[in-house]
């Protein structure tokens, strides 16, 4: 819990920029903010800017972590990120690993709901499906009630306390029935 709090605090002023090429990171980022996002940004607004060590492929540059000196400039940039639509560059919050897993679960369920022709949107840590909010815990608990595939062992000793350890990608094929079950419970 304390580790999560510290990690969250350390990422409070951070954003991640994906698919932004350029040798000089700071100059490239400031140019992006000032020209494409139309947000006034100077070097003093940025505490640190560096590329992550993962995600580099020949056709995509590594993501860039930007640490701002205050949350005001971070919020402005996020609110203007829509100006990047169609450029292939996108900006996201720098989530903790725990928050990232929650968001991944929400986006997965949102995609499934939309594939079923339902209205789905994410607000904070909740998924709104056809006007009904579901929090992460409800969606997580629902994964434990999914039928097992033939490749998964039928070990019945799996408890709900291990639910958070489920690999979401392995359950993607099984979760088509999740929303019918949720709707019948409400």
C-alpha atoms as a PDB file:
ATOM      1  CA  UNK A   1       0.000   0.000   0.000  1.00  0.00           C
ATOM      2  CA  UNK A   2       2.745   2.466   0.992  1.00  0.00           C
ATOM      3  CA  UNK A   3       4.773   1.517  -2.082  1.00  0.00           C
ATOM      4  CA  UNK A   4       1.748   2.207  -4.272  1.00  0.00           C
ATOM      5  CA  UNK A   5       1.230   5.605  -2.618  1.00  0.00           C
ATOM      6  CA  UNK A   6       4.870   6.561  -3.174  1.00  0.00           C
ATOM      7  CA  UNK A   7       4.753   5.402  -6.786  1.00  0.00           C
ATOM      8  CA  UNK A   8       1.539   7.357  -7.389  1.00  0.00           C
ATOM      9  CA  UNK A   9       3.075  10.480  -5.805  1.00  0.00           C
ATOM     10  CA  UNK A  10       6.213  10.177  -7.945  1.00  0.00           C
ATOM     11  CA  UNK A  11       4.124   9.990 -11.141  1.00  0.00           C
ATOM     12  CA  UNK A  12       1.773  12.825 -10.200  1.00  0.00           C
ATOM     13  CA  UNK A  13       3.362  15.330 -12.586  1.00  0.00           C
ATOM     14  CA  UNK A  14       4.246  12.866 -15.379  1.00  0.00           C
ATOM     15  CA  UNK A  15       2.882  12.251 -18.856  1.00  0.00           C
ATOM     16  CA  UNK A  16       3.949   9.698 -21.465  1.00  0.00           C
ATOM     17  CA  UNK A  17       4.234  10.651 -25.127  1.00  0.00           C
ATOM     18  CA  UNK A  18       4.115   7.829 -27.675  1.00  0.00           C
ATOM     19  CA  UNK A  19       5.410   7.806 -31.271  1.00  0.00           C
ATOM     20  CA  UNK A  20       7.344  11.083 -31.087  1.00  0.00           C
ATOM     21  CA  UNK A  21      10.616  10.922 -32.997  1.00  0.00           C
ATOM     22  CA  UNK A  22      13.526  13.284 -32.487  1.00  0.00           C
ATOM     23  CA  UNK A  23      17.115  13.286 -31.316  1.00  0.00           C
ATOM     24  CA  UNK A  24      16.942  16.132 -28.790  1.00  0.00           C
ATOM     25  CA  UNK A  25      14.054  15.071 -26.550  1.00  0.00           C
ATOM     26  CA  UNK A  26      13.503  18.353 -24.714  1.00  0.00           C
ATOM     27  CA  UNK A  27      13.490  20.493 -27.880  1.00  0.00           C
ATOM     28  CA  UNK A  28      11.227  18.028 -29.685  1.00  0.00           C
ATOM     29  CA  UNK A  29       8.727  17.922 -26.811  1.00  0.00           C
ATOM     30  CA  UNK A  30       8.611  21.707 -26.366  1.00  0.00           C
ATOM     31  CA  UNK A  31       8.116  22.137 -30.106  1.00  0.00           C
ATOM     32  CA  UNK A  32       5.237  19.615 -30.012  1.00  0.00           C
ATOM     33  CA  UNK A  33       3.551  21.430 -27.124  1.00  0.00           C
ATOM     34  CA  UNK A  34       3.969  24.925 -28.571  1.00  0.00           C
ATOM     35  CA  UNK A  35       3.160  24.201 -32.223  1.00  0.00           C
ATOM     36  CA  UNK A  36       0.818  21.208 -32.408  1.00  0.00           C
ATOM     37  CA  UNK A  37      -0.940  21.507 -29.047  1.00  0.00           C
ATOM     38  CA  UNK A  38      -0.823  25.318 -28.977  1.00  0.00           C
ATOM     39  CA  UNK A  39       0.144  25.272 -25.289  1.00  0.00           C
ATOM     40  CA  UNK A  40       2.827  27.684 -24.159  1.00  0.00           C
ATOM     41  CA  UNK A  41       5.637  25.624 -22.653  1.00  0.00           C
ATOM     42  CA  UNK A  42       9.227  26.553 -21.828  1.00  0.00           C
ATOM     43  CA  UNK A  43      12.157  24.538 -20.504  1.00  0.00           C
ATOM     44  CA  UNK A  44      11.459  25.679 -16.946  1.00  0.00           C
ATOM     45  CA  UNK A  45       8.035  23.950 -17.059  1.00  0.00           C
ATOM     46  CA  UNK A  46       9.743  20.562 -17.518  1.00  0.00           C
ATOM     47  CA  UNK A  47      11.711  19.001 -14.678  1.00  0.00           C
ATOM     48  CA  UNK A  48      12.867  15.955 -16.673  1.00  0.00           C
ATOM     49  CA  UNK A  49      12.327  14.321 -20.069  1.00  0.00           C
ATOM     50  CA  UNK A  50      13.681  10.930 -21.077  1.00  0.00           C
ATOM     51  CA  UNK A  51      12.899   7.910 -23.226  1.00  0.00           C
ATOM     52  CA  UNK A  52      11.785   4.617 -21.713  1.00  0.00           C
ATOM     53  CA  UNK A  53      13.964   1.566 -22.280  1.00  0.00           C
ATOM     54  CA  UNK A  54      11.103  -0.483 -23.705  1.00  0.00           C
ATOM     55  CA  UNK A  55       8.872  -0.333 -26.720  1.00  0.00           C
ATOM     56  CA  UNK A  56      11.484   0.555 -29.338  1.00  0.00           C
ATOM     57  CA  UNK A  57      10.970  -1.001 -32.749  1.00  0.00           C
ATOM     58  CA  UNK A  58      12.535   0.054 -36.054  1.00  0.00           C
ATOM     59  CA  UNK A  59       9.321   1.825 -37.117  1.00  0.00           C
ATOM     60  CA  UNK A  60       8.336   3.320 -33.715  1.00  0.00           C
ATOM     61  CA  UNK A  61      10.409   5.444 -31.349  1.00  0.00           C
ATOM     62  CA  UNK A  62      10.548   4.701 -27.628  1.00  0.00           C
ATOM     63  CA  UNK A  63       7.936   6.430 -25.459  1.00  0.00           C
ATOM     64  CA  UNK A  64       8.998   9.624 -23.686  1.00  0.00           C
ATOM     65  CA  UNK A  65       8.331  10.350 -20.010  1.00  0.00           C
ATOM     66  CA  UNK A  66       7.854  14.033 -19.255  1.00  0.00           C
ATOM     67  CA  UNK A  67       7.973  15.211 -15.633  1.00  0.00           C
ATOM     68  CA  UNK A  68       6.495  18.682 -15.230  1.00  0.00           C
ATOM     69  CA  UNK A  69       7.231  21.166 -12.473  1.00  0.00           C
ATOM     70  CA  UNK A  70       3.523  21.681 -11.745  1.00  0.00           C
ATOM     71  CA  UNK A  71       0.169  20.080 -12.471  1.00  0.00           C
ATOM     72  CA  UNK A  72      -1.239  23.165 -14.230  1.00  0.00           C
ATOM     73  CA  UNK A  73       0.871  22.700 -17.355  1.00  0.00           C
ATOM     74  CA  UNK A  74       0.274  18.945 -17.305  1.00  0.00           C
ATOM     75  CA  UNK A  75      -3.500  19.504 -17.238  1.00  0.00           C
ATOM     76  CA  UNK A  76      -3.316  22.038 -20.083  1.00  0.00           C
ATOM     77  CA  UNK A  77      -1.379  19.618 -22.247  1.00  0.00           C
ATOM     78  CA  UNK A  78      -3.799  16.775 -21.548  1.00  0.00           C
ATOM     79  CA  UNK A  79      -6.779  18.961 -22.397  1.00  0.00           C
ATOM     80  CA  UNK A  80      -5.185  19.936 -25.731  1.00  0.00           C
ATOM     81  CA  UNK A  81      -4.040  16.409 -26.633  1.00  0.00           C
ATOM     82  CA  UNK A  82      -7.047  16.104 -28.947  1.00  0.00           C
ATOM     83  CA  UNK A  83      -5.119  18.355 -31.357  1.00  0.00           C
ATOM     84  CA  UNK A  84      -2.833  15.381 -32.043  1.00  0.00           C
ATOM     85  CA  UNK A  85      -5.646  13.345 -33.607  1.00  0.00           C
ATOM     86  CA  UNK A  86      -4.491  11.831 -36.880  1.00  0.00           C
ATOM     87  CA  UNK A  87      -0.782  12.425 -36.237  1.00  0.00           C
ATOM     88  CA  UNK A  88      -0.056   9.007 -34.716  1.00  0.00           C
ATOM     89  CA  UNK A  89       1.323  10.729 -31.614  1.00  0.00           C
ATOM     90  CA  UNK A  90      -0.612  10.337 -28.405  1.00  0.00           C
ATOM     91  CA  UNK A  91      -0.282  11.325 -24.779  1.00  0.00           C
ATOM     92  CA  UNK A  92      -1.340   9.447 -21.661  1.00  0.00           C
ATOM     93  CA  UNK A  93      -0.972   9.678 -17.919  1.00  0.00           C
ATOM     94  CA  UNK A  94       1.935   7.861 -16.311  1.00  0.00           C
ATOM     95  CA  UNK A  95      -0.026   5.256 -14.337  1.00  0.00           C
ATOM     96  CA  UNK A  96       1.315   3.124 -11.511  1.00  0.00           C
ATOM     97  CA  UNK A  97       1.536  -0.569 -12.392  1.00  0.00           C
ATOM     98  CA  UNK A  98      -1.572  -1.225 -10.267  1.00  0.00           C
ATOM     99  CA  UNK A  99      -3.557   1.577 -11.941  1.00  0.00           C
ATOM    100  CA  UNK A 100      -2.346   0.429 -15.356  1.00  0.00           C
ATOM    101  CA  UNK A 101      -3.736  -3.075 -14.753  1.00  0.00           C
ATOM    102  CA  UNK A 102      -7.083  -1.569 -13.686  1.00  0.00           C
ATOM    103  CA  UNK A 103      -7.245   0.615 -16.797  1.00  0.00           C
ATOM    104  CA  UNK A 104      -6.314  -2.349 -18.964  1.00  0.00           C
ATOM    105  CA  UNK A 105      -9.226  -4.317 -17.476  1.00  0.00           C
ATOM    106  CA  UNK A 106     -11.628  -1.405 -18.007  1.00  0.00           C
ATOM    107  CA  UNK A 107     -10.556  -0.899 -21.637  1.00  0.00           C
ATOM    108  CA  UNK A 108     -10.846  -4.636 -22.288  1.00  0.00           C
ATOM    109  CA  UNK A 109     -14.422  -4.756 -20.963  1.00  0.00           C
ATOM    110  CA  UNK A 110     -15.287  -1.541 -22.785  1.00  0.00           C
ATOM    111  CA  UNK A 111     -14.147  -3.094 -26.057  1.00  0.00           C
ATOM    112  CA  UNK A 112     -16.206  -6.226 -25.421  1.00  0.00           C
ATOM    113  CA  UNK A 113     -19.316  -4.224 -24.572  1.00  0.00           C
ATOM    114  CA  UNK A 114     -18.965  -2.169 -27.745  1.00  0.00           C
ATOM    115  CA  UNK A 115     -18.505  -5.333 -29.813  1.00  0.00           C
ATOM    116  CA  UNK A 116     -21.878  -6.434 -28.445  1.00  0.00           C
ATOM    117  CA  UNK A 117     -23.414  -3.162 -29.659  1.00  0.00           C
ATOM    118  CA  UNK A 118     -23.723  -1.621 -26.200  1.00  0.00           C
ATOM    119  CA  UNK A 119     -22.831   1.897 -25.138  1.00  0.00           C
ATOM    120  CA  UNK A 120     -19.700   1.876 -22.967  1.00  0.00           C
ATOM    121  CA  UNK A 121     -17.442   4.597 -21.597  1.00  0.00           C
ATOM    122  CA  UNK A 122     -14.821   4.878 -18.873  1.00  0.00           C
ATOM    123  CA  UNK A 123     -15.100   7.488 -16.128  1.00  0.00           C
ATOM    124  CA  UNK A 124     -12.318   7.390 -13.546  1.00  0.00           C
ATOM    125  CA  UNK A 125     -12.140   3.811 -12.246  1.00  0.00           C
ATOM    126  CA  UNK A 126     -15.618   2.852 -13.472  1.00  0.00           C
ATOM    127  CA  UNK A 127     -16.998   1.477 -16.701  1.00  0.00           C
ATOM    128  CA  UNK A 128     -20.424   2.784 -17.677  1.00  0.00           C
ATOM    129  CA  UNK A 129     -22.336   0.226 -19.763  1.00  0.00           C
ATOM    130  CA  UNK A 130     -25.751   1.327 -21.042  1.00  0.00           C
ATOM    131  CA  UNK A 131     -25.908   3.899 -18.246  1.00  0.00           C
ATOM    132  CA  UNK A 132     -25.027   1.449 -15.445  1.00  0.00           C
ATOM    133  CA  UNK A 133     -21.667   1.977 -13.704  1.00  0.00           C
ATOM    134  CA  UNK A 134     -19.415  -0.977 -12.854  1.00  0.00           C
ATOM    135  CA  UNK A 135     -16.287  -0.546 -10.779  1.00  0.00           C
ATOM    136  CA  UNK A 136     -13.066  -2.465 -11.332  1.00  0.00           C
ATOM    137  CA  UNK A 137     -13.797  -4.893  -8.481  1.00  0.00           C
ATOM    138  CA  UNK A 138     -17.125  -5.935 -10.022  1.00  0.00           C
ATOM    139  CA  UNK A 139     -15.472  -6.603 -13.372  1.00  0.00           C
ATOM    140  CA  UNK A 140     -12.576  -8.409 -11.695  1.00  0.00           C
ATOM    141  CA  UNK A 141     -14.933 -10.614  -9.654  1.00  0.00           C
ATOM    142  CA  UNK A 142     -16.855 -11.455 -12.791  1.00  0.00           C
ATOM    143  CA  UNK A 143     -13.701 -12.904 -14.372  1.00  0.00           C
ATOM    144  CA  UNK A 144     -13.719 -15.655 -11.718  1.00  0.00           C
ATOM    145  CA  UNK A 145     -17.132 -16.877 -12.902  1.00  0.00           C
ATOM    146  CA  UNK A 146     -16.102 -17.390 -16.495  1.00  0.00           C
ATOM    147  CA  UNK A 147     -16.037 -20.919 -17.902  1.00  0.00           C
ATOM    148  CA  UNK A 148     -12.598 -22.441 -18.102  1.00  0.00           C
ATOM    149  CA  UNK A 149     -11.140 -23.316 -21.468  1.00  0.00           C
ATOM    150  CA  UNK A 150      -9.744 -26.761 -22.240  1.00  0.00           C
ATOM    151  CA  UNK A 151      -6.182 -25.455 -21.978  1.00  0.00           C
ATOM    152  CA  UNK A 152      -6.730 -24.170 -18.433  1.00  0.00           C
ATOM    153  CA  UNK A 153      -6.401 -26.652 -15.624  1.00  0.00           C
ATOM    154  CA  UNK A 154      -9.525 -27.342 -13.618  1.00  0.00           C
ATOM    155  CA  UNK A 155      -7.792 -26.764 -10.291  1.00  0.00           C
ATOM    156  CA  UNK A 156     -10.614 -25.754  -7.955  1.00  0.00           C
ATOM    157  CA  UNK A 157      -8.317 -24.319  -5.306  1.00  0.00           C
ATOM    158  CA  UNK A 158      -8.119 -20.934  -7.034  1.00  0.00           C
ATOM    159  CA  UNK A 159      -9.522 -18.371  -4.625  1.00  0.00           C
ATOM    160  CA  UNK A 160     -10.925 -14.902  -5.097  1.00  0.00           C
ATOM    161  CA  UNK A 161      -7.842 -13.467  -3.435  1.00  0.00           C
ATOM    162  CA  UNK A 162      -5.815 -14.518  -6.458  1.00  0.00           C
ATOM    163  CA  UNK A 163      -8.267 -12.873  -8.854  1.00  0.00           C
ATOM    164  CA  UNK A 164      -6.072  -9.803  -9.314  1.00  0.00           C
ATOM    165  CA  UNK A 165      -3.303 -12.070 -10.615  1.00  0.00           C
ATOM    166  CA  UNK A 166      -5.376 -13.287 -13.565  1.00  0.00           C
ATOM    167  CA  UNK A 167      -3.804 -12.553 -16.881  1.00  0.00           C
ATOM    168  CA  UNK A 168      -6.404 -10.511 -18.726  1.00  0.00           C
ATOM    169  CA  UNK A 169      -5.128 -11.508 -22.132  1.00  0.00           C
ATOM    170  CA  UNK A 170      -5.765 -15.182 -21.396  1.00  0.00           C
ATOM    171  CA  UNK A 171      -9.378 -14.418 -20.499  1.00  0.00           C
ATOM    172  CA  UNK A 172     -10.231 -12.258 -23.500  1.00  0.00           C
ATOM    173  CA  UNK A 173     -11.762 -15.159 -25.394  1.00  0.00           C
ATOM    174  CA  UNK A 174     -13.865 -16.179 -22.412  1.00  0.00           C
ATOM    175  CA  UNK A 175     -15.423 -12.872 -21.401  1.00  0.00           C
ATOM    176  CA  UNK A 176     -18.135 -12.531 -24.041  1.00  0.00           C
ATOM    177  CA  UNK A 177     -20.752 -13.669 -21.516  1.00  0.00           C
ATOM    178  CA  UNK A 178     -19.650 -11.290 -18.772  1.00  0.00           C
ATOM    179  CA  UNK A 179     -22.152  -8.511 -19.490  1.00  0.00           C
ATOM    180  CA  UNK A 180     -25.197 -10.761 -19.638  1.00  0.00           C
ATOM    181  CA  UNK A 181     -24.242 -12.011 -16.180  1.00  0.00           C
ATOM    182  CA  UNK A 182     -23.718  -8.509 -14.818  1.00  0.00           C
ATOM    183  CA  UNK A 183     -27.033  -7.262 -16.182  1.00  0.00           C
ATOM    184  CA  UNK A 184     -28.961 -10.169 -14.642  1.00  0.00           C
ATOM    185  CA  UNK A 185     -27.406  -9.468 -11.222  1.00  0.00           C
ATOM    186  CA  UNK A 186     -28.472  -5.814 -11.113  1.00  0.00           C
END
